Amino acid sequence: MIRCLCQNDHAIELAEYCPYKFECAFSPEHGHLALDRRNYRRVKIELPVELHLLKLGRGLPVPEEIQKKRVPGTTIDLSVKGAQIRCPVRLPLNSTVQLSLKEVDRAIICTGEVVWQRQDDDGHWFTGLRFEEIAGKDSSAIIALLNRQEVKVRRSSTA
């Protein structure tokens, strides 16, 4: 790793041909010290969501009465491949949830895995979801939604 840092000074694109890309802590894609390892842009946007717990970690089933319960929440940020959600309950780590975005042109539904979580001072939970299944039309709808949000933010910051 030290050889990689000294030789390359990280002024080159590592992702394609660096022999140390899987060992280098600063690799933008694989490194744990990278500033942002995301491959897709993430946009701050608050939208109401509804979550349903589908599977627990390791594929364990969820009782039907729990699957039917909805968990309300709000997006903090959103991308084509994931979202940060604020909700009143702690969702099990590595569980699979169904996410329904509300107050958009049409319903956007996808499934995702709970990859991280932390609790705020108010007792609410911030949960990171990585989308596993999302239809092409829903992916396109998210892209359009993110583009509209970015335009709105840019217009308000220049006004």
C-alpha atoms as a PDB file:
ATOM      1  CA  MET A   1       0.000   0.000   0.000  1.00  0.00           C
ATOM      2  CA  ILE A   2       2.782   2.417   0.872  1.00  0.00           C
ATOM      3  CA  ARG A   3       4.455   1.619  -2.456  1.00  0.00           C
ATOM      4  CA  CYS A   4       1.168   2.434  -4.217  1.00  0.00           C
ATOM      5  CA  LEU A   5       0.868   5.775  -2.405  1.00  0.00           C
ATOM      6  CA  CYS A   6       4.480   6.750  -3.130  1.00  0.00           C
ATOM      7  CA  GLN A   7       4.524   5.648  -6.761  1.00  0.00           C
ATOM      8  CA  ASN A   8       1.163   6.908  -7.906  1.00  0.00           C
ATOM      9  CA  ASP A   9       0.453   9.886  -5.655  1.00  0.00           C
ATOM     10  CA  HIS A  10      -3.181   9.087  -6.488  1.00  0.00           C
ATOM     11  CA  ALA A  11      -3.212  11.498  -9.382  1.00  0.00           C
ATOM     12  CA  ILE A  12      -4.184   8.655 -11.732  1.00  0.00           C
ATOM     13  CA  GLU A  13      -7.399   6.718 -12.086  1.00  0.00           C
ATOM     14  CA  LEU A  14      -6.969   3.629  -9.903  1.00  0.00           C
ATOM     15  CA  ALA A  15     -10.149   1.772 -10.628  1.00  0.00           C
ATOM     16  CA  GLU A  16      -9.052   0.218 -13.921  1.00  0.00           C
ATOM     17  CA  TYR A  17      -5.453  -0.915 -13.747  1.00  0.00           C
ATOM     18  CA  CYS A  18      -3.857  -0.246 -10.374  1.00  0.00           C
ATOM     19  CA  PRO A  19      -2.434  -3.556  -9.076  1.00  0.00           C
ATOM     20  CA  TYR A  20      -3.223  -2.456  -5.518  1.00  0.00           C
ATOM     21  CA  LYS A  21      -6.833  -1.383  -6.070  1.00  0.00           C
ATOM     22  CA  PHE A  22      -8.229  -4.074  -3.741  1.00  0.00           C
ATOM     23  CA  GLU A  23      -5.618  -3.492  -1.022  1.00  0.00           C
ATOM     24  CA  CYS A  24      -5.298   0.298  -1.167  1.00  0.00           C
ATOM     25  CA  ALA A  25      -7.258   2.049   1.556  1.00  0.00           C
ATOM     26  CA  PHE A  26      -7.615   5.131  -0.652  1.00  0.00           C
ATOM     27  CA  SER A  27      -8.999   3.370  -3.726  1.00  0.00           C
ATOM     28  CA  PRO A  28     -12.103   5.380  -4.693  1.00  0.00           C
ATOM     29  CA  GLU A  29     -14.132   2.242  -5.298  1.00  0.00           C
ATOM     30  CA  HIS A  30     -12.773  -0.393  -2.902  1.00  0.00           C
ATOM     31  CA  GLY A  31     -10.907   1.539  -0.205  1.00  0.00           C
ATOM     32  CA  HIS A  32     -12.299   1.964   3.272  1.00  0.00           C
ATOM     33  CA  LEU A  33     -10.657   5.407   3.573  1.00  0.00           C
ATOM     34  CA  ALA A  34     -12.101   6.718   0.316  1.00  0.00           C
ATOM     35  CA  LEU A  35     -14.111   9.897   0.715  1.00  0.00           C
ATOM     36  CA  ASP A  36     -17.082   8.510  -1.172  1.00  0.00           C
ATOM     37  CA  ARG A  37     -17.253   4.949  -2.460  1.00  0.00           C
ATOM     38  CA  ARG A  38     -20.608   5.394  -4.173  1.00  0.00           C
ATOM     39  CA  ASN A  39     -20.794   4.852  -7.911  1.00  0.00           C
ATOM     40  CA  TYR A  40     -24.055   6.790  -8.304  1.00  0.00           C
ATOM     41  CA  ARG A  41     -24.884  10.336  -7.336  1.00  0.00           C
ATOM     42  CA  ARG A  42     -26.921  10.741  -4.204  1.00  0.00           C
ATOM     43  CA  VAL A  43     -29.297  13.690  -3.885  1.00  0.00           C
ATOM     44  CA  LYS A  44     -30.732  15.130  -0.677  1.00  0.00           C
ATOM     45  CA  ILE A  45     -34.502  14.880  -0.949  1.00  0.00           C
ATOM     46  CA  GLU A  46     -37.215  14.388   1.656  1.00  0.00           C
ATOM     47  CA  LEU A  47     -40.081  12.186   0.513  1.00  0.00           C
ATOM     48  CA  PRO A  48     -42.512  10.129   2.572  1.00  0.00           C
ATOM     49  CA  VAL A  49     -41.959   6.385   2.217  1.00  0.00           C
ATOM     50  CA  GLU A  50     -43.599   3.214   3.392  1.00  0.00           C
ATOM     51  CA  LEU A  51     -41.500   0.181   4.305  1.00  0.00           C
ATOM     52  CA  HIS A  52     -42.493  -3.478   4.661  1.00  0.00           C
ATOM     53  CA  LEU A  53     -40.158  -6.074   6.157  1.00  0.00           C
ATOM     54  CA  LEU A  54     -39.912  -9.008   3.709  1.00  0.00           C
ATOM     55  CA  LYS A  55     -37.003 -11.172   4.928  1.00  0.00           C
ATOM     56  CA  LEU A  56     -34.653 -11.206   7.863  1.00  0.00           C
ATOM     57  CA  GLY A  57     -30.895 -11.649   7.482  1.00  0.00           C
ATOM     58  CA  ARG A  58     -29.734 -14.987   6.044  1.00  0.00           C
ATOM     59  CA  GLY A  59     -33.052 -15.322   4.208  1.00  0.00           C
ATOM     60  CA  LEU A  60     -35.071 -16.136   7.327  1.00  0.00           C
ATOM     61  CA  PRO A  61     -38.808 -15.638   6.820  1.00  0.00           C
ATOM     62  CA  VAL A  62     -40.825 -12.896   8.471  1.00  0.00           C
ATOM     63  CA  PRO A  63     -44.192 -13.810  10.048  1.00  0.00           C
ATOM     64  CA  GLU A  64     -47.081 -12.766   7.808  1.00  0.00           C
ATOM     65  CA  GLU A  65     -48.642 -10.420  10.381  1.00  0.00           C
ATOM     66  CA  ILE A  66     -45.345  -8.507  10.585  1.00  0.00           C
ATOM     67  CA  GLN A  67     -44.981  -8.406   6.783  1.00  0.00           C
ATOM     68  CA  LYS A  68     -48.360  -6.691   6.571  1.00  0.00           C
ATOM     69  CA  LYS A  69     -47.349  -3.924   8.991  1.00  0.00           C
ATOM     70  CA  ARG A  70     -46.143  -0.762   7.332  1.00  0.00           C
ATOM     71  CA  VAL A  71     -43.344   1.360   8.684  1.00  0.00           C
ATOM     72  CA  PRO A  72     -43.609   5.051   7.772  1.00  0.00           C
ATOM     73  CA  GLY A  73     -40.441   6.958   7.046  1.00  0.00           C
ATOM     74  CA  THR A  74     -38.813   9.799   5.139  1.00  0.00           C
ATOM     75  CA  THR A  75     -35.955   9.746   2.681  1.00  0.00           C
ATOM     76  CA  ILE A  76     -32.920  11.820   3.623  1.00  0.00           C
ATOM     77  CA  ASP A  77     -31.130  11.194   0.356  1.00  0.00           C
ATOM     78  CA  LEU A  78     -31.749   9.011  -2.665  1.00  0.00           C
ATOM     79  CA  SER A  79     -29.879   7.477  -5.591  1.00  0.00           C
ATOM     80  CA  VAL A  80     -30.641   4.909  -8.271  1.00  0.00           C
ATOM     81  CA  LYS A  81     -28.973   2.213  -6.148  1.00  0.00           C
ATOM     82  CA  GLY A  82     -29.963   3.139  -2.609  1.00  0.00           C
ATOM     83  CA  ALA A  83     -31.390   5.520  -0.055  1.00  0.00           C
ATOM     84  CA  GLN A  84     -30.984   6.833   3.456  1.00  0.00           C
ATOM     85  CA  ILE A  85     -34.260   6.595   5.342  1.00  0.00           C
ATOM     86  CA  ARG A  86     -35.339   8.080   8.678  1.00  0.00           C
ATOM     87  CA  CYS A  87     -37.972   5.975  10.456  1.00  0.00           C
ATOM     88  CA  PRO A  88     -39.277   5.440  14.000  1.00  0.00           C
ATOM     89  CA  VAL A  89     -38.233   1.774  14.287  1.00  0.00           C
ATOM     90  CA  ARG A  90     -34.989  -0.124  13.948  1.00  0.00           C
ATOM     91  CA  LEU A  91     -35.024  -2.433  10.951  1.00  0.00           C
ATOM     92  CA  PRO A  92     -32.866  -5.563  11.328  1.00  0.00           C
ATOM     93  CA  LEU A  93     -29.435  -5.316   9.710  1.00  0.00           C
ATOM     94  CA  ASN A  94     -29.122  -7.380   6.480  1.00  0.00           C
ATOM     95  CA  SER A  95     -32.904  -7.722   6.246  1.00  0.00           C
ATOM     96  CA  THR A  96     -34.800  -7.190   2.990  1.00  0.00           C
ATOM     97  CA  VAL A  97     -37.466  -4.500   2.874  1.00  0.00           C
ATOM     98  CA  GLN A  98     -39.905  -3.245   0.277  1.00  0.00           C
ATOM     99  CA  LEU A  99     -39.756   0.525  -0.173  1.00  0.00           C
ATOM    100  CA  SER A 100     -42.649   2.515  -1.628  1.00  0.00           C
ATOM    101  CA  LEU A 101     -41.962   6.163  -2.470  1.00  0.00           C
ATOM    102  CA  LYS A 102     -44.983   8.368  -1.866  1.00  0.00           C
ATOM    103  CA  GLU A 103     -45.923  11.794  -3.266  1.00  0.00           C
ATOM    104  CA  VAL A 104     -44.276  11.241  -6.629  1.00  0.00           C
ATOM    105  CA  ASP A 105     -45.851  11.264 -10.104  1.00  0.00           C
ATOM    106  CA  ARG A 106     -46.519   7.545  -9.824  1.00  0.00           C
ATOM    107  CA  ALA A 107     -45.751   4.930  -7.197  1.00  0.00           C
ATOM    108  CA  ILE A 108     -42.127   3.776  -7.155  1.00  0.00           C
ATOM    109  CA  ILE A 109     -41.621   0.408  -5.487  1.00  0.00           C
ATOM    110  CA  CYS A 110     -38.367  -1.484  -4.994  1.00  0.00           C
ATOM    111  CA  THR A 111     -36.733  -3.920  -2.603  1.00  0.00           C
ATOM    112  CA  GLY A 112     -33.511  -3.279  -0.758  1.00  0.00           C
ATOM    113  CA  GLU A 113     -31.162  -4.594   1.890  1.00  0.00           C
ATOM    114  CA  VAL A 114     -30.550  -2.788   5.177  1.00  0.00           C
ATOM    115  CA  VAL A 115     -26.782  -2.190   5.096  1.00  0.00           C
ATOM    116  CA  TRP A 116     -26.271   0.217   8.021  1.00  0.00           C
ATOM    117  CA  GLN A 117     -28.197   2.027  10.748  1.00  0.00           C
ATOM    118  CA  ARG A 118     -27.713   4.578  13.501  1.00  0.00           C
ATOM    119  CA  GLN A 119     -30.015   6.216  16.024  1.00  0.00           C
ATOM    120  CA  ASP A 120     -30.394   9.976  16.453  1.00  0.00           C
ATOM    121  CA  ASP A 121     -30.940  11.851  19.718  1.00  0.00           C
ATOM    122  CA  ASP A 122     -34.731  11.858  19.174  1.00  0.00           C
ATOM    123  CA  GLY A 123     -34.875   8.054  19.058  1.00  0.00           C
ATOM    124  CA  HIS A 124     -35.457   7.845  15.301  1.00  0.00           C
ATOM    125  CA  TRP A 125     -33.380   5.487  13.172  1.00  0.00           C
ATOM    126  CA  PHE A 126     -31.365   6.431  10.105  1.00  0.00           C
ATOM    127  CA  THR A 127     -31.153   3.390   7.855  1.00  0.00           C
ATOM    128  CA  GLY A 128     -29.061   2.832   4.752  1.00  0.00           C
ATOM    129  CA  LEU A 129     -30.703   0.763   2.021  1.00  0.00           C
ATOM    130  CA  ARG A 130     -28.999  -0.749  -1.001  1.00  0.00           C
ATOM    131  CA  PHE A 131     -31.583  -1.481  -3.674  1.00  0.00           C
ATOM    132  CA  GLU A 132     -31.611  -5.098  -4.838  1.00  0.00           C
ATOM    133  CA  GLU A 133     -34.584  -5.197  -7.177  1.00  0.00           C
ATOM    134  CA  ILE A 134     -35.927  -2.222  -9.061  1.00  0.00           C
ATOM    135  CA  ALA A 135     -37.842  -2.216 -12.340  1.00  0.00           C
ATOM    136  CA  GLY A 136     -36.408  -0.264 -15.267  1.00  0.00           C
ATOM    137  CA  LYS A 137     -39.334   2.154 -15.283  1.00  0.00           C
ATOM    138  CA  ASP A 138     -38.904   2.801 -11.548  1.00  0.00           C
ATOM    139  CA  SER A 139     -35.177   3.357 -12.011  1.00  0.00           C
ATOM    140  CA  SER A 140     -35.949   5.869 -14.774  1.00  0.00           C
ATOM    141  CA  ALA A 141     -38.525   7.568 -12.544  1.00  0.00           C
ATOM    142  CA  ILE A 142     -35.923   7.934  -9.766  1.00  0.00           C
ATOM    143  CA  ILE A 143     -33.419   9.449 -12.215  1.00  0.00           C
ATOM    144  CA  ALA A 144     -36.043  11.955 -13.403  1.00  0.00           C
ATOM    145  CA  LEU A 145     -36.964  12.767  -9.796  1.00  0.00           C
ATOM    146  CA  LEU A 146     -33.305  13.334  -8.863  1.00  0.00           C
ATOM    147  CA  ASN A 147     -32.748  15.546 -11.911  1.00  0.00           C
ATOM    148  CA  ARG A 148     -35.779  17.690 -11.024  1.00  0.00           C
ATOM    149  CA  GLN A 149     -34.583  17.997  -7.426  1.00  0.00           C
ATOM    150  CA  GLU A 150     -31.071  19.061  -8.480  1.00  0.00           C
ATOM    151  CA  VAL A 151     -32.488  21.684 -10.858  1.00  0.00           C
ATOM    152  CA  LYS A 152     -34.746  22.986  -8.073  1.00  0.00           C
ATOM    153  CA  VAL A 153     -31.806  23.230  -5.637  1.00  0.00           C
ATOM    154  CA  ARG A 154     -29.592  24.989  -8.184  1.00  0.00           C
ATOM    155  CA  ARG A 155     -32.313  27.487  -9.064  1.00  0.00           C
ATOM    156  CA  SER A 156     -32.956  28.304  -5.424  1.00  0.00           C
ATOM    157  CA  SER A 157     -29.234  28.733  -4.689  1.00  0.00           C
ATOM    158  CA  THR A 158     -28.751  31.178  -7.591  1.00  0.00           C
ATOM    159  CA  ALA A 159     -31.860  33.221  -6.803  1.00  0.00           C
END
